[in-house]
Amino acid sequence: MKTAFTILALFAVMLLTSSAYNESAADKAASQSVAPMLVIDNGNDTFSLSEMRGKYLLLTFWSSTDANSRVACNEYTTFVKHNASNDRMSHIAINFDKSKGLFNEIVKRDNLDTAAQFNVQGEVASTIKRDFHLENGFETVLIDPSGVIIAKNPGVETLMRYLSI
């Protein structure tokens, strides 16, 4: 009986491990795609994804109502500011707040670079959410110099590897 239980437990562990491996492989395959075309104007600056070719780009999607995405925006901004002085990487953040006033207050309060922050609303926001598959929440994507999404929500180790620091 004990042997049968051990075999059953090993089989369950193998099944779970196999399932986890397939999910990570699927995530990796999904992230290895060309980034959708994107052009945004915030009134003072215009951001075009095609103009960012030639360097790595961290593209963060966030909202003030989503604490995790707001924290991530701050962390990525700080990382790029302190580690990408060689101009190999930029950070652009796209905000989905419905209130432009709230967005401006958060940018000011969090001391974010206004030139790298873009607030989108309405149909533009819906299109971006659809094109970047943000149905399950906000995230950050790392786009390589050729325009391919190579990582989702990359950690510091991943970013350092691409910056070759």
C-alpha atoms as a PDB file:
ATOM      1  CA  MET A   1       0.000   0.000   0.000  1.00  0.00           C
ATOM      2  CA  LYS A   2       2.825   2.362   0.908  1.00  0.00           C
ATOM      3  CA  THR A   3       4.536   1.699  -2.446  1.00  0.00           C
ATOM      4  CA  ALA A   4       1.337   2.413  -4.371  1.00  0.00           C
ATOM      5  CA  PHE A   5       0.906   5.700  -2.511  1.00  0.00           C
ATOM      6  CA  THR A   6       4.534   6.691  -3.252  1.00  0.00           C
ATOM      7  CA  ILE A   7       4.106   5.927  -6.949  1.00  0.00           C
ATOM      8  CA  LEU A   8       0.861   7.904  -7.051  1.00  0.00           C
ATOM      9  CA  ALA A   9       2.532  10.863  -5.302  1.00  0.00           C
ATOM     10  CA  LEU A  10       5.468  10.797  -7.746  1.00  0.00           C
ATOM     11  CA  PHE A  11       3.066  10.681 -10.677  1.00  0.00           C
ATOM     12  CA  ALA A  12       1.179  13.701  -9.300  1.00  0.00           C
ATOM     13  CA  VAL A  13       4.422  15.667  -8.875  1.00  0.00           C
ATOM     14  CA  MET A  14       5.500  14.814 -12.438  1.00  0.00           C
ATOM     15  CA  LEU A  15       2.100  15.854 -13.771  1.00  0.00           C
ATOM     16  CA  LEU A  16       2.223  19.199 -11.937  1.00  0.00           C
ATOM     17  CA  THR A  17       5.797  19.842 -13.053  1.00  0.00           C
ATOM     18  CA  SER A  18       4.902  19.037 -16.649  1.00  0.00           C
ATOM     19  CA  SER A  19       1.887  21.363 -16.495  1.00  0.00           C
ATOM     20  CA  ALA A  20       3.972  24.217 -15.052  1.00  0.00           C
ATOM     21  CA  TYR A  21       6.612  23.717 -17.749  1.00  0.00           C
ATOM     22  CA  ASN A  22       4.022  23.914 -20.524  1.00  0.00           C
ATOM     23  CA  GLU A  23       2.575  27.156 -19.121  1.00  0.00           C
ATOM     24  CA  SER A  24       5.977  28.838 -18.972  1.00  0.00           C
ATOM     25  CA  ALA A  25       6.772  27.670 -22.490  1.00  0.00           C
ATOM     26  CA  ALA A  26       3.453  29.113 -23.669  1.00  0.00           C
ATOM     27  CA  ASP A  27       4.194  32.418 -21.922  1.00  0.00           C
ATOM     28  CA  LYS A  28       7.603  32.555 -23.570  1.00  0.00           C
ATOM     29  CA  ALA A  29       6.146  31.835 -27.008  1.00  0.00           C
ATOM     30  CA  ALA A  30       3.502  34.525 -26.506  1.00  0.00           C
ATOM     31  CA  SER A  31       6.133  37.077 -25.541  1.00  0.00           C
ATOM     32  CA  GLN A  32       8.272  36.368 -28.617  1.00  0.00           C
ATOM     33  CA  SER A  33       6.153  38.436 -30.988  1.00  0.00           C
ATOM     34  CA  VAL A  34       6.558  41.734 -32.789  1.00  0.00           C
ATOM     35  CA  ALA A  35       5.173  44.591 -30.701  1.00  0.00           C
ATOM     36  CA  PRO A  36       2.026  46.162 -32.161  1.00  0.00           C
ATOM     37  CA  MET A  37       2.327  49.581 -33.795  1.00  0.00           C
ATOM     38  CA  LEU A  38       1.810  52.336 -31.271  1.00  0.00           C
ATOM     39  CA  VAL A  39       1.769  56.137 -31.577  1.00  0.00           C
ATOM     40  CA  ILE A  40       0.650  58.324 -28.653  1.00  0.00           C
ATOM     41  CA  ASP A  41       0.633  62.085 -28.144  1.00  0.00           C
ATOM     42  CA  ASN A  42       0.460  63.520 -24.617  1.00  0.00           C
ATOM     43  CA  GLY A  43       0.112  67.120 -25.719  1.00  0.00           C
ATOM     44  CA  ASN A  44       3.777  67.959 -25.197  1.00  0.00           C
ATOM     45  CA  ASP A  45       5.518  64.889 -26.560  1.00  0.00           C
ATOM     46  CA  THR A  46       4.733  62.182 -29.078  1.00  0.00           C
ATOM     47  CA  PHE A  47       5.764  58.588 -28.605  1.00  0.00           C
ATOM     48  CA  SER A  48       6.083  56.237 -31.540  1.00  0.00           C
ATOM     49  CA  LEU A  49       7.178  52.678 -30.950  1.00  0.00           C
ATOM     50  CA  SER A  50       8.830  52.578 -34.372  1.00  0.00           C
ATOM     51  CA  GLU A  51      11.085  55.505 -33.404  1.00  0.00           C
ATOM     52  CA  MET A  52      12.429  53.486 -30.464  1.00  0.00           C
ATOM     53  CA  ARG A  53      14.020  50.857 -32.698  1.00  0.00           C
ATOM     54  CA  GLY A  54      17.726  50.349 -32.072  1.00  0.00           C
ATOM     55  CA  LYS A  55      17.518  50.141 -28.265  1.00  0.00           C
ATOM     56  CA  TYR A  56      15.719  48.120 -25.631  1.00  0.00           C
ATOM     57  CA  LEU A  57      12.427  49.556 -24.455  1.00  0.00           C
ATOM     58  CA  LEU A  58      10.567  48.874 -21.244  1.00  0.00           C
ATOM     59  CA  LEU A  59       6.926  49.648 -21.952  1.00  0.00           C
ATOM     60  CA  THR A  60       4.883  49.817 -18.745  1.00  0.00           C
ATOM     61  CA  PHE A  61       1.082  49.871 -18.680  1.00  0.00           C
ATOM     62  CA  TRP A  62      -0.340  51.193 -15.413  1.00  0.00           C
ATOM     63  CA  SER A  63      -3.221  52.837 -13.599  1.00  0.00           C
ATOM     64  CA  SER A  64      -3.409  54.672 -10.276  1.00  0.00           C
ATOM     65  CA  THR A  65      -6.189  52.278  -9.237  1.00  0.00           C
ATOM     66  CA  ASP A  66      -3.868  49.277  -9.675  1.00  0.00           C
ATOM     67  CA  ALA A  67      -1.267  49.504  -6.903  1.00  0.00           C
ATOM     68  CA  ASN A  68       0.989  46.805  -8.363  1.00  0.00           C
ATOM     69  CA  SER A  69       1.256  48.500 -11.742  1.00  0.00           C
ATOM     70  CA  ARG A  70       1.888  51.893 -10.151  1.00  0.00           C
ATOM     71  CA  VAL A  71       4.710  50.467  -8.012  1.00  0.00           C
ATOM     72  CA  ALA A  72       6.149  48.657 -11.045  1.00  0.00           C
ATOM     73  CA  CYS A  73       6.124  51.910 -13.028  1.00  0.00           C
ATOM     74  CA  ASN A  74       8.150  53.589 -10.287  1.00  0.00           C
ATOM     75  CA  GLU A  75      10.576  50.693  -9.996  1.00  0.00           C
ATOM     76  CA  TYR A  76      11.223  50.463 -13.732  1.00  0.00           C
ATOM     77  CA  THR A  77      11.648  54.237 -13.971  1.00  0.00           C
ATOM     78  CA  THR A  78      14.241  54.141 -11.188  1.00  0.00           C
ATOM     79  CA  PHE A  79      16.035  51.146 -12.690  1.00  0.00           C
ATOM     80  CA  VAL A  80      16.424  52.740 -16.111  1.00  0.00           C
ATOM     81  CA  LYS A  81      17.418  56.078 -14.603  1.00  0.00           C
ATOM     82  CA  HIS A  82      20.244  54.475 -12.583  1.00  0.00           C
ATOM     83  CA  ASN A  83      21.373  51.665 -14.891  1.00  0.00           C
ATOM     84  CA  ALA A  84      20.805  52.654 -18.500  1.00  0.00           C
ATOM     85  CA  SER A  85      23.083  55.673 -18.796  1.00  0.00           C
ATOM     86  CA  ASN A  86      24.544  54.105 -21.914  1.00  0.00           C
ATOM     87  CA  ASP A  87      21.286  54.775 -23.799  1.00  0.00           C
ATOM     88  CA  ARG A  88      20.769  51.098 -24.513  1.00  0.00           C
ATOM     89  CA  MET A  89      17.374  51.118 -22.801  1.00  0.00           C
ATOM     90  CA  SER A  90      14.453  53.518 -22.427  1.00  0.00           C
ATOM     91  CA  HIS A  91      11.313  53.379 -20.326  1.00  0.00           C
ATOM     92  CA  ILE A  92       7.916  54.614 -21.503  1.00  0.00           C
ATOM     93  CA  ALA A  93       4.817  54.342 -19.320  1.00  0.00           C
ATOM     94  CA  ILE A  94       1.247  54.344 -20.571  1.00  0.00           C
ATOM     95  CA  ASN A  95      -1.410  55.205 -18.008  1.00  0.00           C
ATOM     96  CA  PHE A  96      -5.092  54.273 -18.283  1.00  0.00           C
ATOM     97  CA  ASP A  97      -6.592  56.637 -15.665  1.00  0.00           C
ATOM     98  CA  LYS A  98      -9.940  58.069 -16.747  1.00  0.00           C
ATOM     99  CA  SER A  99      -9.070  61.385 -15.086  1.00  0.00           C
ATOM    100  CA  LYS A 100      -6.243  63.398 -16.641  1.00  0.00           C
ATOM    101  CA  GLY A 101      -6.096  65.451 -13.416  1.00  0.00           C
ATOM    102  CA  LEU A 102      -5.542  62.335 -11.308  1.00  0.00           C
ATOM    103  CA  PHE A 103      -2.867  61.139 -13.735  1.00  0.00           C
ATOM    104  CA  ASN A 104      -1.048  64.495 -13.552  1.00  0.00           C
ATOM    105  CA  GLU A 105      -1.207  64.482  -9.747  1.00  0.00           C
ATOM    106  CA  ILE A 106       0.220  60.941  -9.524  1.00  0.00           C
ATOM    107  CA  VAL A 107       3.040  61.773 -11.962  1.00  0.00           C
ATOM    108  CA  LYS A 108       3.884  64.833  -9.869  1.00  0.00           C
ATOM    109  CA  ARG A 109       3.554  63.037  -6.519  1.00  0.00           C
ATOM    110  CA  ASP A 110       5.627  60.033  -7.652  1.00  0.00           C
ATOM    111  CA  ASN A 111       8.221  62.315  -9.281  1.00  0.00           C
ATOM    112  CA  LEU A 112       7.932  60.541 -12.645  1.00  0.00           C
ATOM    113  CA  ASP A 113       9.531  61.837 -15.832  1.00  0.00           C
ATOM    114  CA  THR A 114       6.688  63.684 -17.578  1.00  0.00           C
ATOM    115  CA  ALA A 115       8.247  63.152 -21.016  1.00  0.00           C
ATOM    116  CA  ALA A 116       8.034  59.367 -20.532  1.00  0.00           C
ATOM    117  CA  GLN A 117       4.448  59.290 -19.200  1.00  0.00           C
ATOM    118  CA  PHE A 118       1.418  59.098 -21.469  1.00  0.00           C
ATOM    119  CA  ASN A 119      -2.222  59.049 -20.380  1.00  0.00           C
ATOM    120  CA  VAL A 120      -4.663  57.359 -22.766  1.00  0.00           C
ATOM    121  CA  GLN A 121      -8.425  57.170 -22.561  1.00  0.00           C
ATOM    122  CA  GLY A 122     -11.448  56.011 -24.539  1.00  0.00           C
ATOM    123  CA  GLU A 123     -10.959  54.211 -27.835  1.00  0.00           C
ATOM    124  CA  VAL A 124      -7.161  54.674 -27.760  1.00  0.00           C
ATOM    125  CA  ALA A 125      -7.010  52.922 -24.367  1.00  0.00           C
ATOM    126  CA  SER A 126      -9.273  50.112 -25.582  1.00  0.00           C
ATOM    127  CA  THR A 127      -7.149  49.566 -28.688  1.00  0.00           C
ATOM    128  CA  ILE A 128      -3.904  49.420 -26.690  1.00  0.00           C
ATOM    129  CA  LYS A 129      -5.407  47.005 -24.153  1.00  0.00           C
ATOM    130  CA  ARG A 130      -6.569  44.750 -26.989  1.00  0.00           C
ATOM    131  CA  ASP A 131      -3.345  44.941 -29.024  1.00  0.00           C
ATOM    132  CA  PHE A 132      -1.093  44.241 -26.024  1.00  0.00           C
ATOM    133  CA  HIS A 133      -3.432  41.595 -24.518  1.00  0.00           C
ATOM    134  CA  LEU A 134      -3.969  43.394 -21.207  1.00  0.00           C
ATOM    135  CA  GLU A 135      -7.218  41.568 -20.423  1.00  0.00           C
ATOM    136  CA  ASN A 136      -5.743  40.114 -17.231  1.00  0.00           C
ATOM    137  CA  GLY A 137      -4.259  43.304 -15.842  1.00  0.00           C
ATOM    138  CA  PHE A 138      -1.440  45.714 -16.388  1.00  0.00           C
ATOM    139  CA  GLU A 139       2.133  44.655 -17.067  1.00  0.00           C
ATOM    140  CA  THR A 140       5.475  45.711 -18.453  1.00  0.00           C
ATOM    141  CA  VAL A 141       6.982  44.327 -21.631  1.00  0.00           C
ATOM    142  CA  LEU A 142      10.615  44.415 -22.691  1.00  0.00           C
ATOM    143  CA  ILE A 143      11.001  45.091 -26.403  1.00  0.00           C
ATOM    144  CA  ASP A 144      14.311  44.391 -28.117  1.00  0.00           C
ATOM    145  CA  PRO A 145      16.018  46.773 -30.588  1.00  0.00           C
ATOM    146  CA  SER A 146      14.280  45.097 -33.541  1.00  0.00           C
ATOM    147  CA  GLY A 147      10.788  45.602 -32.058  1.00  0.00           C
ATOM    148  CA  VAL A 148      10.150  42.095 -30.696  1.00  0.00           C
ATOM    149  CA  ILE A 149       8.611  41.587 -27.246  1.00  0.00           C
ATOM    150  CA  ILE A 150      11.175  39.403 -25.475  1.00  0.00           C
ATOM    151  CA  ALA A 151       9.938  39.426 -21.864  1.00  0.00           C
ATOM    152  CA  LYS A 152       6.896  40.249 -19.763  1.00  0.00           C
ATOM    153  CA  ASN A 153       7.370  41.826 -16.337  1.00  0.00           C
ATOM    154  CA  PRO A 154      11.155  41.291 -16.461  1.00  0.00           C
ATOM    155  CA  GLY A 155      13.127  41.228 -13.235  1.00  0.00           C
ATOM    156  CA  VAL A 156      16.333  43.108 -12.504  1.00  0.00           C
ATOM    157  CA  GLU A 157      18.502  40.123 -13.477  1.00  0.00           C
ATOM    158  CA  THR A 158      16.881  39.927 -16.896  1.00  0.00           C
ATOM    159  CA  LEU A 159      17.269  43.662 -17.460  1.00  0.00           C
ATOM    160  CA  MET A 160      20.899  43.617 -16.370  1.00  0.00           C
ATOM    161  CA  ARG A 161      21.602  40.750 -18.773  1.00  0.00           C
ATOM    162  CA  TYR A 162      20.219  42.733 -21.713  1.00  0.00           C
ATOM    163  CA  LEU A 163      22.097  45.854 -20.678  1.00  0.00           C
ATOM    164  CA  SER A 164      25.285  43.790 -20.248  1.00  0.00           C
ATOM    165  CA  ILE A 165      26.141  45.663 -17.061  1.00  0.00           C
END
